[in-house]
N, C-alpha and C. Protein backbone atom coordinates (compact mmCIF):
# COMPACT_ATOMS: atom_id res chain seq x y z
N MET A 1 0.85 -1.18 0.00
CA MET A 1 0.00 0.00 0.00
C MET A 1 0.90 1.24 0.00
N GLU A 2 0.46 2.24 -0.80
CA GLU A 2 1.20 3.50 -0.87
C GLU A 2 0.23 4.65 -0.70
N VAL A 3 0.47 5.51 0.24
CA VAL A 3 -0.29 6.75 0.43
C VAL A 3 0.73 7.88 0.41
N ASP A 4 0.57 8.79 -0.54
CA ASP A 4 1.52 9.87 -0.71
C ASP A 4 0.76 11.20 -0.75
N TYR A 5 1.28 12.20 0.00
CA TYR A 5 0.68 13.52 0.00
C TYR A 5 1.79 14.54 -0.22
N ARG A 6 1.81 15.13 -1.45
CA ARG A 6 2.84 16.12 -1.80
C ARG A 6 2.19 17.27 -2.57
N ASN A 7 2.63 18.46 -2.28
CA ASN A 7 2.19 19.66 -3.00
C ASN A 7 0.66 19.79 -3.05
N GLY A 8 0.01 19.40 -1.97
CA GLY A 8 -1.45 19.51 -1.90
C GLY A 8 -2.20 18.44 -2.69
N LYS A 9 -1.48 17.41 -3.16
CA LYS A 9 -2.10 16.33 -3.94
C LYS A 9 -1.96 15.03 -3.17
N LEU A 10 -3.04 14.22 -3.20
CA LEU A 10 -3.06 12.93 -2.52
C LEU A 10 -3.05 11.81 -3.55
N LYS A 11 -2.25 10.78 -3.26
CA LYS A 11 -2.19 9.60 -4.13
C LYS A 11 -2.32 8.37 -3.25
N ILE A 12 -3.22 7.44 -3.65
CA ILE A 12 -3.41 6.19 -2.92
C ILE A 12 -3.31 5.04 -3.92
N VAL A 13 -2.41 4.11 -3.64
CA VAL A 13 -2.31 2.87 -4.41
C VAL A 13 -2.37 1.74 -3.40
N ALA A 14 -3.40 0.88 -3.56
CA ALA A 14 -3.55 -0.22 -2.61
C ALA A 14 -3.91 -1.48 -3.36
N ASP A 15 -3.26 -2.57 -2.93
CA ASP A 15 -3.55 -3.88 -3.52
C ASP A 15 -3.71 -4.85 -2.35
N HIS A 16 -4.94 -5.15 -2.04
CA HIS A 16 -5.26 -6.07 -0.96
C HIS A 16 -4.97 -5.46 0.42
N ALA A 17 -5.29 -4.17 0.59
CA ALA A 17 -5.16 -3.49 1.88
C ALA A 17 -6.55 -3.23 2.43
N THR A 18 -6.68 -3.12 3.74
CA THR A 18 -7.99 -2.81 4.32
C THR A 18 -8.25 -1.31 4.23
N LEU A 19 -9.54 -0.97 4.17
CA LEU A 19 -9.93 0.44 4.15
C LEU A 19 -9.45 1.14 5.41
N ALA A 20 -9.51 0.46 6.56
CA ALA A 20 -9.06 1.04 7.82
C ALA A 20 -7.57 1.37 7.77
N ALA A 21 -6.75 0.50 7.18
CA ALA A 21 -5.32 0.74 7.09
C ALA A 21 -5.04 1.94 6.18
N ILE A 22 -5.77 2.04 5.08
CA ILE A 22 -5.58 3.18 4.15
C ILE A 22 -5.96 4.48 4.85
N LEU A 23 -7.11 4.50 5.54
CA LEU A 23 -7.55 5.72 6.23
C LEU A 23 -6.57 6.10 7.34
N ASN A 24 -6.00 5.13 8.02
CA ASN A 24 -5.01 5.41 9.06
C ASN A 24 -3.77 6.07 8.45
N GLU A 25 -3.35 5.58 7.29
CA GLU A 25 -2.18 6.15 6.61
C GLU A 25 -2.48 7.56 6.10
N VAL A 26 -3.70 7.80 5.60
CA VAL A 26 -4.10 9.16 5.18
C VAL A 26 -4.02 10.10 6.37
N HIS A 27 -4.47 9.65 7.52
CA HIS A 27 -4.40 10.46 8.74
C HIS A 27 -2.95 10.77 9.09
N ARG A 28 -2.08 9.77 9.02
CA ARG A 28 -0.66 9.96 9.34
C ARG A 28 0.02 10.95 8.40
N ARG A 29 -0.31 10.88 7.10
CA ARG A 29 0.36 11.72 6.10
C ARG A 29 -0.19 13.14 6.05
N MET A 30 -1.51 13.29 6.22
CA MET A 30 -2.14 14.61 6.03
C MET A 30 -2.53 15.28 7.34
N GLY A 31 -2.69 14.53 8.40
CA GLY A 31 -3.16 15.09 9.66
C GLY A 31 -4.68 15.20 9.71
N THR A 32 -5.36 14.67 8.72
CA THR A 32 -6.82 14.72 8.66
C THR A 32 -7.40 13.82 9.75
N GLN A 33 -8.36 14.36 10.52
CA GLN A 33 -9.04 13.55 11.53
C GLN A 33 -10.07 12.68 10.82
N ILE A 34 -10.01 11.36 11.04
CA ILE A 34 -10.92 10.43 10.37
C ILE A 34 -11.64 9.64 11.44
N SER A 35 -12.97 9.73 11.42
CA SER A 35 -13.82 9.03 12.38
C SER A 35 -14.39 7.79 11.69
N LEU A 36 -13.90 6.61 12.09
CA LEU A 36 -14.34 5.35 11.51
C LEU A 36 -15.06 4.56 12.60
N PRO A 37 -16.27 4.05 12.33
CA PRO A 37 -16.98 3.27 13.35
C PRO A 37 -16.15 2.08 13.81
N SER A 38 -16.33 1.71 15.05
CA SER A 38 -15.60 0.60 15.65
C SER A 38 -15.81 -0.67 14.84
N GLY A 39 -14.72 -1.34 14.50
CA GLY A 39 -14.80 -2.59 13.74
C GLY A 39 -15.06 -2.38 12.26
N GLY A 40 -15.18 -1.15 11.81
CA GLY A 40 -15.46 -0.88 10.40
C GLY A 40 -14.19 -0.78 9.58
N GLY A 41 -14.33 -0.91 8.28
CA GLY A 41 -13.22 -0.72 7.37
C GLY A 41 -12.35 -1.94 7.18
N MET A 42 -12.88 -3.12 7.46
CA MET A 42 -12.09 -4.34 7.32
C MET A 42 -12.13 -4.92 5.90
N GLU A 43 -12.94 -4.32 5.00
CA GLU A 43 -13.01 -4.84 3.64
C GLU A 43 -11.70 -4.56 2.90
N GLN A 44 -11.36 -5.47 1.99
CA GLN A 44 -10.14 -5.35 1.19
C GLN A 44 -10.35 -4.36 0.06
N VAL A 45 -9.35 -3.54 -0.22
CA VAL A 45 -9.46 -2.49 -1.22
C VAL A 45 -8.35 -2.66 -2.25
N TYR A 46 -8.73 -2.49 -3.52
CA TYR A 46 -7.79 -2.51 -4.64
C TYR A 46 -8.01 -1.23 -5.43
N VAL A 47 -7.14 -0.22 -5.26
CA VAL A 47 -7.33 1.07 -5.94
C VAL A 47 -6.00 1.65 -6.38
N SER A 48 -6.09 2.55 -7.35
CA SER A 48 -4.99 3.40 -7.74
C SER A 48 -5.61 4.76 -8.04
N LEU A 49 -5.48 5.69 -7.09
CA LEU A 49 -6.14 6.99 -7.16
C LEU A 49 -5.13 8.11 -7.04
N GLY A 50 -5.31 9.17 -7.83
CA GLY A 50 -4.49 10.36 -7.74
C GLY A 50 -3.23 10.24 -8.57
N PRO A 51 -2.37 11.20 -8.42
CA PRO A 51 -2.46 12.33 -7.50
C PRO A 51 -3.52 13.35 -7.94
N ALA A 52 -4.28 13.81 -6.95
CA ALA A 52 -5.34 14.79 -7.17
C ALA A 52 -5.66 15.46 -5.83
N ALA A 53 -6.59 16.39 -5.87
CA ALA A 53 -7.02 17.07 -4.64
C ALA A 53 -7.52 16.02 -3.65
N PRO A 54 -7.18 16.14 -2.38
CA PRO A 54 -7.57 15.15 -1.39
C PRO A 54 -9.07 14.86 -1.36
N ARG A 55 -9.91 15.88 -1.55
CA ARG A 55 -11.37 15.65 -1.56
C ARG A 55 -11.75 14.67 -2.67
N GLU A 56 -11.18 14.86 -3.85
CA GLU A 56 -11.51 14.01 -4.99
C GLU A 56 -11.05 12.57 -4.75
N VAL A 57 -9.84 12.40 -4.24
CA VAL A 57 -9.29 11.07 -4.01
C VAL A 57 -10.08 10.35 -2.92
N MET A 58 -10.39 11.04 -1.84
CA MET A 58 -11.15 10.41 -0.73
C MET A 58 -12.57 10.07 -1.17
N ALA A 59 -13.21 10.94 -1.96
CA ALA A 59 -14.56 10.63 -2.46
C ALA A 59 -14.52 9.40 -3.35
N ALA A 60 -13.51 9.28 -4.21
CA ALA A 60 -13.39 8.11 -5.07
C ALA A 60 -13.13 6.86 -4.24
N LEU A 61 -12.34 6.97 -3.17
CA LEU A 61 -12.05 5.83 -2.30
C LEU A 61 -13.29 5.37 -1.54
N LEU A 62 -14.10 6.32 -1.03
CA LEU A 62 -15.21 5.98 -0.15
C LEU A 62 -16.51 5.69 -0.88
N ASN A 63 -16.70 6.20 -2.10
CA ASN A 63 -17.90 5.88 -2.86
C ASN A 63 -17.91 4.38 -3.14
N GLY A 64 -19.05 3.75 -2.91
CA GLY A 64 -19.17 2.31 -3.15
C GLY A 64 -18.87 1.47 -1.92
N THR A 65 -18.42 2.10 -0.83
CA THR A 65 -18.21 1.34 0.41
C THR A 65 -19.53 1.23 1.16
N HIS A 66 -19.50 0.61 2.31
CA HIS A 66 -20.70 0.47 3.14
C HIS A 66 -20.81 1.60 4.15
N PHE A 67 -20.26 2.76 3.79
CA PHE A 67 -20.27 3.90 4.69
C PHE A 67 -20.86 5.13 4.01
N ASN A 68 -21.58 5.91 4.81
CA ASN A 68 -21.92 7.28 4.43
C ASN A 68 -20.77 8.13 4.95
N PHE A 69 -20.45 9.20 4.29
CA PHE A 69 -19.33 10.00 4.76
C PHE A 69 -19.58 11.48 4.57
N ILE A 70 -18.95 12.26 5.45
CA ILE A 70 -18.98 13.71 5.40
C ILE A 70 -17.53 14.17 5.43
N MET A 71 -17.18 15.03 4.48
CA MET A 71 -15.82 15.58 4.45
C MET A 71 -15.90 17.06 4.81
N VAL A 72 -15.05 17.48 5.75
CA VAL A 72 -15.01 18.88 6.19
C VAL A 72 -13.71 19.48 5.70
N GLY A 73 -13.83 20.56 4.93
CA GLY A 73 -12.66 21.21 4.34
C GLY A 73 -12.00 22.19 5.29
N VAL A 74 -10.84 22.64 4.87
CA VAL A 74 -10.09 23.65 5.60
C VAL A 74 -10.65 25.02 5.18
N ASP A 75 -10.76 25.95 6.12
CA ASP A 75 -11.38 27.26 5.85
C ASP A 75 -10.76 27.98 4.66
N ASN A 76 -9.45 28.08 4.61
CA ASN A 76 -8.83 28.87 3.55
C ASN A 76 -8.57 28.06 2.27
N ASP A 77 -8.81 26.72 2.29
CA ASP A 77 -8.62 25.89 1.09
C ASP A 77 -9.60 24.72 1.13
N PRO A 78 -10.81 24.91 0.54
CA PRO A 78 -11.83 23.87 0.63
C PRO A 78 -11.46 22.56 -0.07
N SER A 79 -10.42 22.56 -0.93
CA SER A 79 -10.02 21.30 -1.56
C SER A 79 -9.26 20.41 -0.58
N GLN A 80 -8.73 20.98 0.50
CA GLN A 80 -8.02 20.21 1.53
C GLN A 80 -9.01 19.70 2.57
N LEU A 81 -8.61 18.72 3.37
CA LEU A 81 -9.52 18.10 4.33
C LEU A 81 -9.08 18.33 5.77
N ARG A 82 -10.03 18.79 6.58
CA ARG A 82 -9.80 18.89 8.02
C ARG A 82 -10.20 17.59 8.69
N SER A 83 -11.38 17.05 8.27
CA SER A 83 -11.84 15.80 8.88
C SER A 83 -12.76 15.04 7.92
N VAL A 84 -12.85 13.74 8.17
CA VAL A 84 -13.75 12.86 7.43
C VAL A 84 -14.51 12.05 8.48
N ILE A 85 -15.85 12.07 8.37
CA ILE A 85 -16.69 11.34 9.33
C ILE A 85 -17.41 10.24 8.56
N LEU A 86 -17.26 9.01 9.02
CA LEU A 86 -17.88 7.85 8.38
C LEU A 86 -18.93 7.24 9.31
N THR A 87 -20.07 6.87 8.75
CA THR A 87 -21.11 6.16 9.50
C THR A 87 -21.58 4.99 8.65
N PRO A 88 -22.02 3.90 9.29
CA PRO A 88 -22.50 2.76 8.50
C PRO A 88 -23.72 3.15 7.68
N SER A 89 -23.75 2.73 6.41
CA SER A 89 -24.89 3.09 5.56
C SER A 89 -26.07 2.16 5.77
N SER A 90 -25.84 1.01 6.38
CA SER A 90 -26.95 0.07 6.63
C SER A 90 -27.18 -0.04 8.13
N ALA A 91 -27.41 1.09 8.77
CA ALA A 91 -27.61 1.12 10.22
C ALA A 91 -28.91 0.45 10.60
N GLY A 92 -28.90 -0.20 11.74
CA GLY A 92 -30.12 -0.85 12.24
C GLY A 92 -31.07 0.18 12.80
N PRO A 93 -32.28 -0.25 13.21
CA PRO A 93 -33.29 0.69 13.71
C PRO A 93 -32.81 1.50 14.90
N ALA A 94 -31.98 0.91 15.79
CA ALA A 94 -31.54 1.66 16.96
C ALA A 94 -30.53 2.73 16.57
N ASP A 95 -29.78 2.51 15.48
CA ASP A 95 -28.76 3.47 15.08
C ASP A 95 -29.29 4.53 14.13
N THR A 96 -30.49 4.33 13.60
CA THR A 96 -31.05 5.25 12.62
C THR A 96 -31.61 6.47 13.32
N PRO A 97 -31.23 7.67 12.89
CA PRO A 97 -31.80 8.86 13.54
C PRO A 97 -33.29 8.95 13.28
N ALA A 98 -33.99 9.56 14.22
CA ALA A 98 -35.44 9.71 14.08
C ALA A 98 -35.75 10.64 12.92
N PRO A 99 -36.81 10.34 12.18
CA PRO A 99 -37.18 11.23 11.08
C PRO A 99 -37.65 12.57 11.61
N TYR A 100 -37.55 13.60 10.80
CA TYR A 100 -37.99 14.94 11.18
C TYR A 100 -39.49 14.94 11.39
N SER A 101 -39.92 15.55 12.47
CA SER A 101 -41.35 15.75 12.69
C SER A 101 -41.56 17.22 13.01
N PRO A 102 -42.57 17.83 12.39
CA PRO A 102 -42.80 19.25 12.61
C PRO A 102 -43.23 19.51 14.06
N PRO A 103 -43.08 20.73 14.53
CA PRO A 103 -43.49 21.05 15.90
C PRO A 103 -44.98 20.76 16.11
N LEU A 104 -45.31 20.42 17.34
CA LEU A 104 -46.71 20.16 17.66
C LEU A 104 -47.54 21.43 17.53
N ALA A 105 -48.81 21.24 17.22
CA ALA A 105 -49.70 22.39 17.04
C ALA A 105 -49.81 23.18 18.34
N ALA A 106 -49.70 22.51 19.49
CA ALA A 106 -49.81 23.21 20.77
C ALA A 106 -48.65 24.18 20.96
N GLN A 107 -47.52 23.92 20.32
CA GLN A 107 -46.38 24.80 20.46
C GLN A 107 -46.45 25.99 19.51
N ALA A 108 -47.22 25.86 18.46
CA ALA A 108 -47.33 26.94 17.48
C ALA A 108 -48.28 28.01 18.01
N PRO A 109 -48.01 29.28 17.71
CA PRO A 109 -48.92 30.33 18.17
C PRO A 109 -50.28 30.17 17.48
N GLU A 110 -51.32 30.51 18.25
CA GLU A 110 -52.68 30.40 17.72
C GLU A 110 -52.91 31.46 16.65
N TYR A 111 -53.55 31.06 15.57
CA TYR A 111 -53.81 31.97 14.45
C TYR A 111 -54.99 32.87 14.80
N THR A 112 -54.80 34.17 14.63
CA THR A 112 -55.87 35.14 14.82
C THR A 112 -56.06 35.86 13.50
N PRO A 113 -57.24 35.71 12.88
CA PRO A 113 -57.44 36.38 11.60
C PRO A 113 -57.45 37.89 11.77
N PRO A 114 -57.00 38.62 10.78
CA PRO A 114 -57.00 40.08 10.89
C PRO A 114 -58.43 40.60 10.93
N THR A 115 -58.61 41.69 11.66
CA THR A 115 -59.94 42.29 11.75
C THR A 115 -60.10 43.32 10.65
N VAL A 116 -61.29 43.34 10.07
CA VAL A 116 -61.61 44.29 9.02
C VAL A 116 -62.72 45.19 9.56
N PRO A 117 -62.48 46.50 9.63
CA PRO A 117 -63.51 47.38 10.17
C PRO A 117 -64.73 47.43 9.23
N ASP A 118 -65.91 47.57 9.85
CA ASP A 118 -67.14 47.72 9.07
C ASP A 118 -67.18 49.14 8.52
N ILE A 119 -67.20 49.24 7.21
CA ILE A 119 -67.26 50.54 6.56
C ILE A 119 -68.60 50.63 5.84
N PRO A 120 -69.46 51.59 6.25
CA PRO A 120 -70.76 51.69 5.59
C PRO A 120 -70.59 52.14 4.14
N GLN A 121 -71.40 51.57 3.29
CA GLN A 121 -71.37 51.92 1.87
C GLN A 121 -72.33 53.11 1.66
N PRO A 122 -71.88 54.24 1.12
CA PRO A 122 -72.71 55.43 1.02
C PRO A 122 -73.87 55.27 0.03
N ASP A 123 -73.74 54.48 -1.01
CA ASP A 123 -74.80 54.37 -2.01
C ASP A 123 -75.78 53.24 -1.71
N ALA A 124 -75.47 52.40 -0.77
CA ALA A 124 -76.34 51.26 -0.50
C ALA A 124 -77.42 51.67 0.49
N PRO A 125 -78.67 51.25 0.24
CA PRO A 125 -79.73 51.55 1.21
C PRO A 125 -79.51 50.73 2.47
N PRO A 126 -79.97 51.23 3.60
CA PRO A 126 -79.79 50.47 4.85
C PRO A 126 -80.59 49.17 4.76
N PRO A 127 -80.15 48.15 5.45
CA PRO A 127 -80.88 46.88 5.41
C PRO A 127 -82.27 47.02 5.99
N ASP A 128 -83.21 46.27 5.43
CA ASP A 128 -84.61 46.31 5.86
C ASP A 128 -84.82 45.25 6.93
N ASP A 129 -85.01 45.71 8.17
CA ASP A 129 -85.24 44.79 9.28
C ASP A 129 -86.72 44.62 9.60
N SER A 130 -87.62 45.23 8.81
CA SER A 130 -89.04 45.21 9.14
C SER A 130 -89.74 43.93 8.71
N GLY A 131 -89.08 43.12 7.94
CA GLY A 131 -89.73 41.92 7.42
C GLY A 131 -90.49 42.19 6.14
N ASN A 132 -90.42 43.40 5.61
CA ASN A 132 -91.13 43.76 4.39
C ASN A 132 -90.17 43.87 3.21
N ALA A 133 -89.20 43.00 3.16
CA ALA A 133 -88.24 43.07 2.06
C ALA A 133 -88.96 42.83 0.76
N GLY A 134 -88.67 43.63 -0.25
CA GLY A 134 -89.28 43.46 -1.56
C GLY A 134 -90.59 44.19 -1.72
N VAL A 135 -91.00 44.98 -0.72
CA VAL A 135 -92.26 45.73 -0.79
C VAL A 135 -91.92 47.21 -0.75
N THR A 136 -92.53 47.99 -1.65
CA THR A 136 -92.31 49.42 -1.68
C THR A 136 -92.99 50.04 -0.47
N PRO A 137 -92.25 50.82 0.34
CA PRO A 137 -92.85 51.36 1.57
C PRO A 137 -94.00 52.33 1.30
N ASP A 138 -94.01 53.06 0.19
CA ASP A 138 -95.05 54.06 -0.06
C ASP A 138 -96.39 53.41 -0.36
N THR A 139 -96.38 52.40 -1.22
CA THR A 139 -97.66 51.85 -1.70
C THR A 139 -97.98 50.48 -1.13
N GLY A 140 -96.98 49.79 -0.59
CA GLY A 140 -97.23 48.44 -0.11
C GLY A 140 -97.23 47.41 -1.24
N GLU A 141 -96.97 47.88 -2.47
CA GLU A 141 -96.94 47.00 -3.64
C GLU A 141 -95.57 46.31 -3.72
N PRO A 142 -95.53 45.18 -4.42
CA PRO A 142 -94.22 44.53 -4.59
C PRO A 142 -93.26 45.45 -5.32
N ASP A 143 -92.04 45.48 -4.84
CA ASP A 143 -91.00 46.31 -5.42
C ASP A 143 -90.38 45.55 -6.58
N THR A 144 -90.63 46.00 -7.80
CA THR A 144 -90.12 45.31 -8.98
C THR A 144 -88.81 45.90 -9.46
N THR A 145 -88.37 47.00 -8.85
CA THR A 145 -87.14 47.63 -9.32
C THR A 145 -85.91 46.88 -8.82
N SER A 146 -86.01 46.19 -7.69
CA SER A 146 -84.83 45.53 -7.15
C SER A 146 -84.75 44.07 -7.58
N GLN A 147 -85.76 43.59 -8.27
CA GLN A 147 -85.73 42.20 -8.67
C GLN A 147 -84.98 42.06 -9.99
N GLU A 148 -84.38 40.93 -10.15
CA GLU A 148 -83.68 40.63 -11.40
C GLU A 148 -84.72 40.38 -12.48
N PRO A 149 -84.48 40.82 -13.69
CA PRO A 149 -85.44 40.56 -14.76
C PRO A 149 -85.48 39.07 -15.07
N GLU A 150 -86.63 38.60 -15.44
CA GLU A 150 -86.79 37.19 -15.76
C GLU A 150 -86.22 36.95 -17.15
N VAL A 151 -85.41 35.93 -17.25
CA VAL A 151 -84.77 35.59 -18.51
C VAL A 151 -85.37 34.30 -19.00
N THR A 152 -85.85 34.34 -20.22
CA THR A 152 -86.40 33.11 -20.80
C THR A 152 -85.61 32.79 -22.06
N THR A 153 -85.50 31.53 -22.31
CA THR A 153 -84.79 31.08 -23.50
C THR A 153 -85.83 30.61 -24.50
N PRO A 154 -85.81 31.17 -25.70
CA PRO A 154 -86.81 30.74 -26.68
C PRO A 154 -86.57 29.29 -27.08
N ARG A 155 -87.67 28.59 -27.32
CA ARG A 155 -87.56 27.20 -27.73
C ARG A 155 -87.37 27.14 -29.24
N ARG A 156 -86.68 26.15 -29.65
CA ARG A 156 -86.51 25.94 -31.09
C ARG A 156 -87.78 25.32 -31.64
N PRO A 157 -88.18 25.76 -32.79
CA PRO A 157 -89.37 25.13 -33.39
C PRO A 157 -89.01 23.71 -33.83
N ARG A 158 -89.97 22.83 -33.65
CA ARG A 158 -89.75 21.45 -34.07
C ARG A 158 -89.99 21.36 -35.57
N PRO A 159 -89.22 20.57 -36.24
CA PRO A 159 -89.45 20.43 -37.69
C PRO A 159 -90.79 19.73 -37.94
N HIS A 160 -91.45 20.18 -38.98
CA HIS A 160 -92.75 19.61 -39.31
C HIS A 160 -92.55 18.25 -39.97
N ARG A 161 -93.26 17.29 -39.46
CA ARG A 161 -93.21 15.96 -40.04
C ARG A 161 -94.60 15.64 -40.57
N PRO A 162 -94.66 15.24 -41.80
CA PRO A 162 -95.99 14.89 -42.33
C PRO A 162 -96.52 13.65 -41.61
N ALA A 163 -97.80 13.67 -41.43
CA ALA A 163 -98.44 12.53 -40.77
C ALA A 163 -98.29 11.31 -41.66
N GLN A 164 -98.01 10.21 -41.05
CA GLN A 164 -97.87 8.97 -41.82
C GLN A 164 -99.12 8.13 -41.64
N GLU A 165 -99.47 7.51 -42.71
CA GLU A 165 -100.62 6.61 -42.61
C GLU A 165 -100.15 5.35 -41.92
N PRO A 166 -101.03 4.79 -41.15
CA PRO A 166 -100.62 3.57 -40.46
C PRO A 166 -100.32 2.47 -41.49
N ALA A 167 -99.31 1.75 -41.23
CA ALA A 167 -98.95 0.66 -42.13
C ALA A 167 -100.00 -0.43 -42.06
N GLU A 168 -100.24 -1.03 -43.18
CA GLU A 168 -101.25 -2.10 -43.21
C GLU A 168 -100.71 -3.30 -42.50
N GLN A 169 -101.60 -3.86 -41.74
CA GLN A 169 -101.25 -5.07 -41.02
C GLN A 169 -101.50 -6.26 -41.94
N PRO A 170 -100.61 -7.19 -41.99
CA PRO A 170 -100.89 -8.38 -42.82
C PRO A 170 -102.10 -9.11 -42.26
N GLN A 171 -102.94 -9.46 -43.15
CA GLN A 171 -104.16 -10.15 -42.72
C GLN A 171 -103.95 -11.63 -42.76
N ASP A 172 -104.57 -12.23 -41.84
CA ASP A 172 -104.45 -13.67 -41.73
C ASP A 172 -105.50 -14.30 -42.64
N ASP A 173 -105.08 -14.93 -43.74
CA ASP A 173 -106.00 -15.50 -44.72
C ASP A 173 -106.52 -16.88 -44.28
N GLN A 174 -105.99 -17.40 -43.26
CA GLN A 174 -106.47 -18.70 -42.85
C GLN A 174 -107.72 -18.54 -42.03
N GLN A 175 -108.74 -19.22 -42.49
CA GLN A 175 -110.00 -19.13 -41.75
C GLN A 175 -110.56 -20.46 -41.50
């Protein structure tokens, strides 16, 4: 196994080395903090990667493994690595983080609809509370000015069909 870090470039060549051994050597050469789950990284690796930016080489090394990973870059050079965090990608139910759930309704502030002030309409007549809606107050007659006009749809004339003579019934000649 060969792990080389020169001029900001990382190179990894491994033939039958464990992932844990490669990651340990990357840590030794670069100073990158690598968090590997206990007992993880025992699979055999056959790779020839780099020389390239450490992020690219590590992503190529870790893609396809049984780990999820997060790489944290250096503030002044994001292509360099400060740390790499690995977690098992096939975690059991106890290791799986709880799914996101929105806050309970009791914790949310109660919705209060905005108030709209009552503004009288200057052109509208005041509402009739007397029970005589639709009746003209002067005459007591039905008020036809406020009613909608009646709309009728004309019917189409039916086409004229000449009367047909009844068809002759066959007569029964047997007697």
